[in-house]
Protein backbone atom coordinates (compact mmCIF):
# COMPACT_ATOMS: atom_id res chain seq x y z
CA UNK A 1 15.74 39.53 -7.46
CA UNK A 2 18.71 38.01 -5.93
CA UNK A 3 21.32 36.61 -8.25
CA UNK A 4 22.65 34.10 -5.75
CA UNK A 5 19.45 32.39 -6.33
CA UNK A 6 19.53 32.39 -10.20
CA UNK A 7 20.18 29.14 -11.79
CA UNK A 8 21.11 27.82 -15.16
CA UNK A 9 18.86 24.83 -14.00
CA UNK A 10 16.49 23.98 -11.14
CA UNK A 11 16.04 19.94 -10.75
CA UNK A 12 12.67 19.08 -8.49
CA UNK A 13 12.66 15.63 -7.17
CA UNK A 14 15.64 13.34 -6.67
CA UNK A 15 14.90 9.79 -7.92
CA UNK A 16 16.74 7.99 -10.38
CA UNK A 17 15.35 10.50 -13.05
CA UNK A 18 16.25 13.71 -10.92
CA UNK A 19 19.65 13.02 -10.32
CA UNK A 20 20.61 11.66 -13.31
CA UNK A 21 19.47 14.58 -15.15
CA UNK A 22 21.67 16.61 -12.25
CA UNK A 23 24.80 14.35 -13.03
CA UNK A 24 24.47 15.23 -16.62
CA UNK A 25 23.40 19.04 -16.18
CA UNK A 26 26.38 18.86 -14.13
CA UNK A 27 28.96 17.35 -16.65
CA UNK A 28 27.81 20.10 -18.61
CA UNK A 29 28.93 22.85 -16.79
CA UNK A 30 25.36 24.66 -16.10
CA UNK A 31 25.60 23.92 -12.10
CA UNK A 32 22.21 22.34 -11.35
CA UNK A 33 20.59 22.72 -8.03
CA UNK A 34 18.12 19.70 -6.66
CA UNK A 35 15.59 20.15 -4.80
CA UNK A 36 15.40 16.77 -3.02
CA UNK A 37 12.42 16.47 -1.20
CA UNK A 38 10.42 14.18 1.99
CA UNK A 39 11.88 11.21 -0.03
CA UNK A 40 15.58 11.70 -1.09
CA UNK A 41 16.24 8.80 -3.82
CA UNK A 42 12.57 8.43 -3.98
CA UNK A 43 11.16 5.09 -4.65
CA UNK A 44 14.19 3.13 -4.28
CA UNK A 45 14.99 4.34 -1.24
CA UNK A 46 12.14 1.86 0.15
CA UNK A 47 13.09 -1.05 -1.40
CA UNK A 48 15.77 -3.38 -0.35
CA UNK A 49 18.20 -5.26 -3.14
CA UNK A 50 17.88 -3.59 -6.62
CA UNK A 51 19.12 -6.60 -9.16
CA UNK A 52 17.36 -5.23 -12.64
CA UNK A 53 19.82 -1.83 -12.58
CA UNK A 54 22.36 -2.37 -15.01
CA UNK A 55 26.16 -2.47 -13.88
CA UNK A 56 25.30 -4.68 -10.38
CA UNK A 57 25.06 -8.28 -11.04
CA UNK A 58 24.87 -8.75 -7.27
CA UNK A 59 22.32 -6.32 -6.54
CA UNK A 60 23.08 -3.35 -4.71
CA UNK A 61 20.52 -1.65 -1.80
CA UNK A 62 18.16 0.52 -2.99
CA UNK A 63 19.17 3.75 -0.69
CA UNK A 64 23.41 2.82 -1.44
CA UNK A 65 22.03 3.19 -5.13
CA UNK A 66 20.59 6.63 -4.82
CA UNK A 67 23.72 6.99 -2.63
CA UNK A 68 25.89 6.65 -5.15
CA UNK A 69 24.01 8.80 -7.60
CA UNK A 70 23.48 11.78 -5.51
CA UNK A 71 27.63 11.99 -4.57
CA UNK A 72 28.56 11.37 -8.48
CA UNK A 73 26.40 14.02 -9.07
CA UNK A 74 27.60 16.60 -6.32
CA UNK A 75 31.14 15.60 -7.53
CA UNK A 76 30.86 17.26 -10.63
CA UNK A 77 28.94 20.30 -9.38
CA UNK A 78 25.83 19.72 -8.37
CA UNK A 79 24.57 21.37 -5.57
CA UNK A 80 21.41 19.28 -3.64
CA UNK A 81 19.01 20.58 -0.85
CA UNK A 82 16.81 18.45 1.29
CA UNK A 83 13.90 20.62 0.85
CA UNK A 84 10.33 20.66 -0.36
CA UNK A 85 9.31 22.91 -3.62
CA UNK A 86 6.07 24.15 -2.04
CA UNK A 87 4.99 26.79 -4.95
CA UNK A 88 5.98 27.04 -8.66
CA UNK A 89 5.28 30.23 -11.25
CA UNK A 90 5.95 29.32 -14.72
CA UNK A 91 4.37 32.21 -16.43
CA UNK A 92 7.19 34.10 -16.60
CA UNK A 93 10.93 33.74 -17.20
CA UNK A 94 13.61 33.00 -15.17
CA UNK A 95 10.65 30.76 -13.47
CA UNK A 96 10.17 31.11 -9.81
CA UNK A 97 10.39 27.98 -7.59
CA UNK A 98 9.34 28.66 -3.25
CA UNK A 99 11.04 25.96 -1.43
CA UNK A 100 11.55 26.42 2.58
CA UNK A 101 9.74 29.93 1.95
CA UNK A 102 12.51 30.99 -0.21
CA UNK A 103 12.38 31.97 -3.54
CA UNK A 104 14.65 30.96 -6.16
CA UNK A 105 14.94 31.50 -10.11
CA UNK A 106 15.81 29.29 -12.72
CA UNK A 107 16.55 29.48 -16.73
CA UNK A 108 14.83 26.00 -16.96
CA UNK A 109 13.39 23.49 -14.64
CA UNK A 110 13.64 19.54 -14.80
CA UNK A 111 10.64 18.21 -13.07
CA UNK A 112 11.31 14.44 -11.43
CA UNK A 113 9.00 14.47 -8.52
CA UNK A 114 7.57 11.14 -9.64
CA UNK A 115 5.27 8.62 -8.83
CA UNK A 116 3.89 7.45 -5.14
CA UNK A 117 2.30 3.96 -5.11
CA UNK A 118 -1.05 4.01 -3.51
CA UNK A 119 -0.77 2.12 -0.64
CA UNK A 120 -2.98 0.24 2.07
CA UNK A 121 -1.82 2.44 4.88
CA UNK A 122 -2.04 0.09 7.55
CA UNK A 123 1.01 0.10 10.08
CA UNK A 124 2.56 -3.52 9.41
CA UNK A 125 2.41 -2.79 5.26
CA UNK A 126 5.07 0.11 6.28
CA UNK A 127 6.90 -2.71 8.62
CA UNK A 128 6.93 -5.19 6.11
CA UNK A 129 7.85 -2.99 3.08
CA UNK A 130 10.92 -4.15 1.15
CA UNK A 131 10.73 -7.43 3.26
CA UNK A 132 7.90 -9.60 1.52
CA UNK A 133 5.57 -6.07 0.60
CA UNK A 134 6.03 -4.66 -2.68
CA UNK A 135 4.14 -2.17 -5.37
CA UNK A 136 6.10 -3.40 -8.09
CA UNK A 137 6.28 -7.08 -9.55
CA UNK A 138 8.09 -6.24 -12.02
CA UNK A 139 11.14 -4.74 -9.84
CA UNK A 140 10.63 -7.62 -6.54
CA UNK A 141 9.00 -10.05 -8.60
CA UNK A 142 12.14 -12.71 -9.25
CA UNK A 143 12.76 -13.09 -4.73
CA UNK A 144 9.03 -14.54 -4.97
CA UNK A 145 10.29 -17.84 -6.94
CA UNK A 146 8.37 -21.01 -5.68
CA UNK A 147 6.26 -18.96 -3.13
CA UNK A 148 3.00 -17.89 -2.33
CA UNK A 149 2.08 -14.37 -2.56
CA UNK A 150 -1.36 -11.91 -2.87
CA UNK A 151 -1.92 -9.00 -5.14
CA UNK A 152 -4.42 -6.71 -3.69
CA UNK A 153 -6.10 -4.78 -6.65
CA UNK A 154 -8.75 -5.42 -9.03
CA UNK A 155 -7.51 -2.97 -12.17
CA UNK A 156 -5.91 -3.75 -15.33
CA UNK A 157 -2.66 -3.19 -12.80
CA UNK A 158 -3.09 -5.65 -10.67
CA UNK A 159 -3.98 -8.16 -13.44
CA UNK A 160 -0.63 -7.40 -15.02
CA UNK A 161 1.31 -7.99 -11.47
CA UNK A 162 -0.45 -11.18 -11.30
CA UNK A 163 0.05 -12.70 -14.66
CA UNK A 164 3.58 -11.26 -14.58
CA UNK A 165 4.04 -13.15 -11.27
CA UNK A 166 3.06 -16.61 -12.59
CA UNK A 167 6.93 -16.60 -14.05
CA UNK A 168 8.06 -17.10 -10.36
CA UNK A 169 5.66 -17.45 -7.90
CA UNK A 170 4.06 -21.39 -6.91
CA UNK A 171 0.48 -19.42 -7.08
CA UNK A 172 -0.72 -15.99 -7.13
CA UNK A 173 -3.86 -14.82 -5.13
CA UNK A 174 -5.83 -11.94 -6.09
CA UNK A 175 -8.32 -10.00 -3.42
CA UNK A 176 -10.76 -7.53 -4.76
CA UNK A 177 -12.79 -5.48 -2.25
CA UNK A 178 -15.71 -6.10 -4.86
CA UNK A 179 -17.51 -9.34 -6.35
CA UNK A 180 -16.51 -8.49 -9.73
CA UNK A 181 -13.14 -7.38 -11.58
CA UNK A 182 -12.49 -3.08 -12.80
CA UNK A 183 -9.84 -4.86 -15.21
CA UNK A 184 -10.51 -4.75 -18.74
CA UNK A 185 -12.00 -7.88 -20.40
CA UNK A 186 -9.00 -9.01 -22.06
CA UNK A 187 -7.05 -8.80 -19.28
CA UNK A 188 -9.52 -10.68 -16.86
CA UNK A 189 -9.57 -13.06 -19.59
CA UNK A 190 -5.75 -13.91 -19.24
CA UNK A 191 -5.94 -14.21 -15.31
CA UNK A 192 -9.04 -16.13 -14.96
CA UNK A 193 -7.57 -18.70 -17.77
CA UNK A 194 -4.14 -18.91 -15.85
CA UNK A 195 -3.78 -21.94 -13.59
CA UNK A 196 -1.78 -20.32 -10.94
CA UNK A 197 -4.27 -17.44 -10.00
CA UNK A 198 -7.24 -17.77 -7.84
CA UNK A 199 -9.56 -15.82 -6.39
CA UNK A 200 -10.71 -14.07 -3.14
CA UNK A 201 -13.63 -11.82 -3.10
CA UNK A 202 -15.43 -8.97 -1.46
CA UNK A 203 -12.36 -8.81 1.00
CA UNK A 204 -9.73 -6.11 1.77
CA UNK A 205 -6.78 -6.81 3.77
CA UNK A 206 -6.48 -5.81 7.39
CA UNK A 207 -3.37 -6.63 8.44
CA UNK A 208 0.17 -8.14 6.99
CA UNK A 209 1.78 -11.12 9.31
CA UNK A 210 4.96 -11.72 9.94
CA UNK A 211 7.60 -12.12 12.29
CA UNK A 212 11.59 -11.35 12.66
CA UNK A 213 14.03 -14.15 13.00
CA UNK A 214 17.80 -13.43 13.14
CA UNK A 215 17.28 -9.71 12.61
CA UNK A 216 15.31 -10.73 9.22
CA UNK A 217 11.83 -9.89 8.73
CA UNK A 218 9.76 -11.91 6.85
CA UNK A 219 5.88 -12.48 5.73
CA UNK A 220 4.11 -15.43 6.52
CA UNK A 221 -0.13 -14.41 5.92
CA UNK A 222 -2.67 -11.87 5.56
CA UNK A 223 -5.64 -11.50 7.50
CA UNK A 224 -8.66 -10.73 5.65
CA UNK A 225 -12.19 -8.79 6.22
CA UNK A 226 -15.21 -9.56 4.32
CA UNK A 227 -16.70 -6.27 3.79
CA UNK A 228 -20.22 -7.70 3.09
CA UNK A 229 -20.40 -10.30 6.04
CA UNK A 230 -17.48 -9.24 8.16
CA UNK A 231 -16.13 -11.98 8.92
CA UNK A 232 -12.49 -12.30 9.29
CA UNK A 233 -9.95 -15.29 8.28
CA UNK A 234 -5.82 -15.46 7.86
CA UNK A 235 -4.58 -16.98 4.38
CA UNK A 236 -1.07 -18.09 4.55
CA UNK A 237 1.83 -16.20 1.97
CA UNK A 238 5.15 -14.98 1.93
CA UNK A 239 4.42 -12.24 -0.62
CA UNK A 240 2.27 -8.94 -1.06
CA UNK A 241 2.06 -6.79 -4.03
CA UNK A 242 -0.22 -3.85 -3.44
CA UNK A 243 -1.49 -2.95 -7.10
CA UNK A 244 -4.44 -0.20 -6.47
CA UNK A 245 -2.65 2.13 -8.73
CA UNK A 246 -0.04 4.87 -8.86
CA UNK A 247 -0.42 8.66 -8.04
CA UNK A 248 1.88 11.24 -9.71
CA UNK A 249 3.02 13.42 -7.45
CA UNK A 250 1.77 16.73 -9.43
CA UNK A 251 -0.31 18.72 -6.78
CA UNK A 252 1.57 21.84 -6.83
CA UNK A 253 1.73 21.99 -10.43
CA UNK A 254 -2.05 21.80 -11.10
CA UNK A 255 -3.03 24.75 -13.19
CA UNK A 256 0.57 25.64 -13.94
CA UNK A 257 1.40 23.12 -16.77
CA UNK A 258 -0.65 20.76 -18.63
CA UNK A 259 -1.16 17.47 -17.13
CA UNK A 260 -3.60 14.51 -18.93
CA UNK A 261 -6.52 13.34 -17.06
CA UNK A 262 -4.98 11.02 -14.51
CA UNK A 263 -2.78 14.37 -13.08
CA UNK A 264 0.85 12.68 -14.99
CA UNK A 265 2.76 15.57 -16.81
CA UNK A 266 2.19 15.34 -20.87
CA UNK A 267 5.15 15.85 -22.68
CA UNK A 268 5.15 17.09 -26.39
CA UNK A 269 7.41 16.27 -29.45
CA UNK A 270 9.69 13.27 -29.27
CA UNK A 271 11.58 14.38 -25.87
CA UNK A 272 11.04 16.10 -23.02
CA UNK A 273 9.33 19.22 -23.06
CA UNK A 274 6.26 19.99 -21.41
CA UNK A 275 3.74 22.38 -22.45
CA UNK A 276 5.74 25.39 -20.86
CA UNK A 277 8.94 25.70 -23.18
CA UNK A 278 12.36 25.73 -20.77
CA UNK A 279 10.17 23.11 -18.30
CA UNK A 280 10.88 19.36 -18.82
CA UNK A 281 9.76 16.75 -17.15
CA UNK A 282 11.59 12.99 -16.84
CA UNK A 283 10.58 9.66 -14.73
CA UNK A 284 7.64 8.41 -13.28
CA UNK A 285 5.91 11.95 -13.00
CA UNK A 286 5.33 11.65 -16.86
CA UNK A 287 5.21 7.81 -17.28
CA UNK A 288 2.27 5.59 -16.36
CA UNK A 289 3.24 3.04 -18.02
CA UNK A 290 6.68 1.72 -17.68
CA UNK A 291 7.82 2.86 -14.02
CA UNK A 292 11.14 1.81 -13.35
CA UNK A 293 14.71 3.01 -12.22
CA UNK A 294 16.72 2.33 -15.62
CA UNK A 295 13.78 4.26 -17.60
CA UNK A 296 13.51 7.08 -15.04
CA UNK A 297 17.67 7.73 -15.43
CA UNK A 298 17.36 7.12 -19.25
CA UNK A 299 14.50 10.25 -18.94
CA UNK A 300 16.72 12.08 -16.53
CA UNK A 301 19.75 12.39 -18.82
CA UNK A 302 17.26 13.20 -22.12
CA UNK A 303 15.80 16.21 -20.18
CA UNK A 304 19.37 17.20 -19.23
CA UNK A 305 20.34 17.30 -22.72
CA UNK A 306 17.00 19.22 -23.59
CA UNK A 307 17.36 21.73 -21.43
CA UNK A 308 21.11 22.32 -22.30
CA UNK A 309 19.97 22.67 -25.98
CA UNK A 310 17.30 24.71 -24.76
CA UNK A 311 19.76 27.21 -22.85
CA UNK A 312 21.76 27.34 -25.88
CA UNK A 313 19.14 28.55 -28.23
CA UNK A 314 18.07 31.19 -25.90
CA UNK A 315 22.05 32.20 -26.14
CA UNK A 316 22.38 32.41 -29.38
CA UNK A 317 19.08 34.50 -29.82
């Protein structure tokens, strides 16, 4: 075993959870190593202004927030690598992490790989992401005061997003590829009774329409295709919320750690402990409910403290 590649704590992921864990672990003199992955900074790197993170009343750009958090963790001794983890072995301690075809060994591991919003995968979606396209109404709904928006989806997540958006938007149109909602009855009842919400059935968005003025992008509408008739139409709007679900980034952990039916990591007890002692999870990878930067950061702090207590108990035994 290469001693230079053995570390007290290895953190997989670099969103608010991973970098907060790195900050706390570094300040506890655990010299953590962070594998940032292919999207350093997590989902906040595709967010423009962040107004709901404590301490920034005038908002802060998502990438800037993550850069600050990264530098803060590095200042106290965290090491970061801009590489993906491709394989893990939790069967023996120290745990084995493979990245860039090199093996690293950790006495404790914190998984903070997050969850990715399922998207439409059309070019215009990427063009306007953060400029009118969002996958989080709780994060971005405030920016759409008195505007017309659409929500894409038919499950509980879409209904929750639509109801929430009516606090700000003038109107909310739910676009669903089927002729009936998949959402639970209680959620269906709520949206159907909301006077601000309307529906477009049997349709998909095949293009997001927008323009750029004075170097600023903005959405002007969506192009819809009826899946039954093939007819195409356009609908005016200033915001598009994609609410077709989230997928936790747990592919490399399948068969290595306990996951729930939706592939989120299962936590044991009132802490961040996974089914493997010494392996902890923080942030959206273990949270299908809140999915907020501040809750991810909080759980990252918890995971670092849990890892510290775990290592202390091993040393004293």
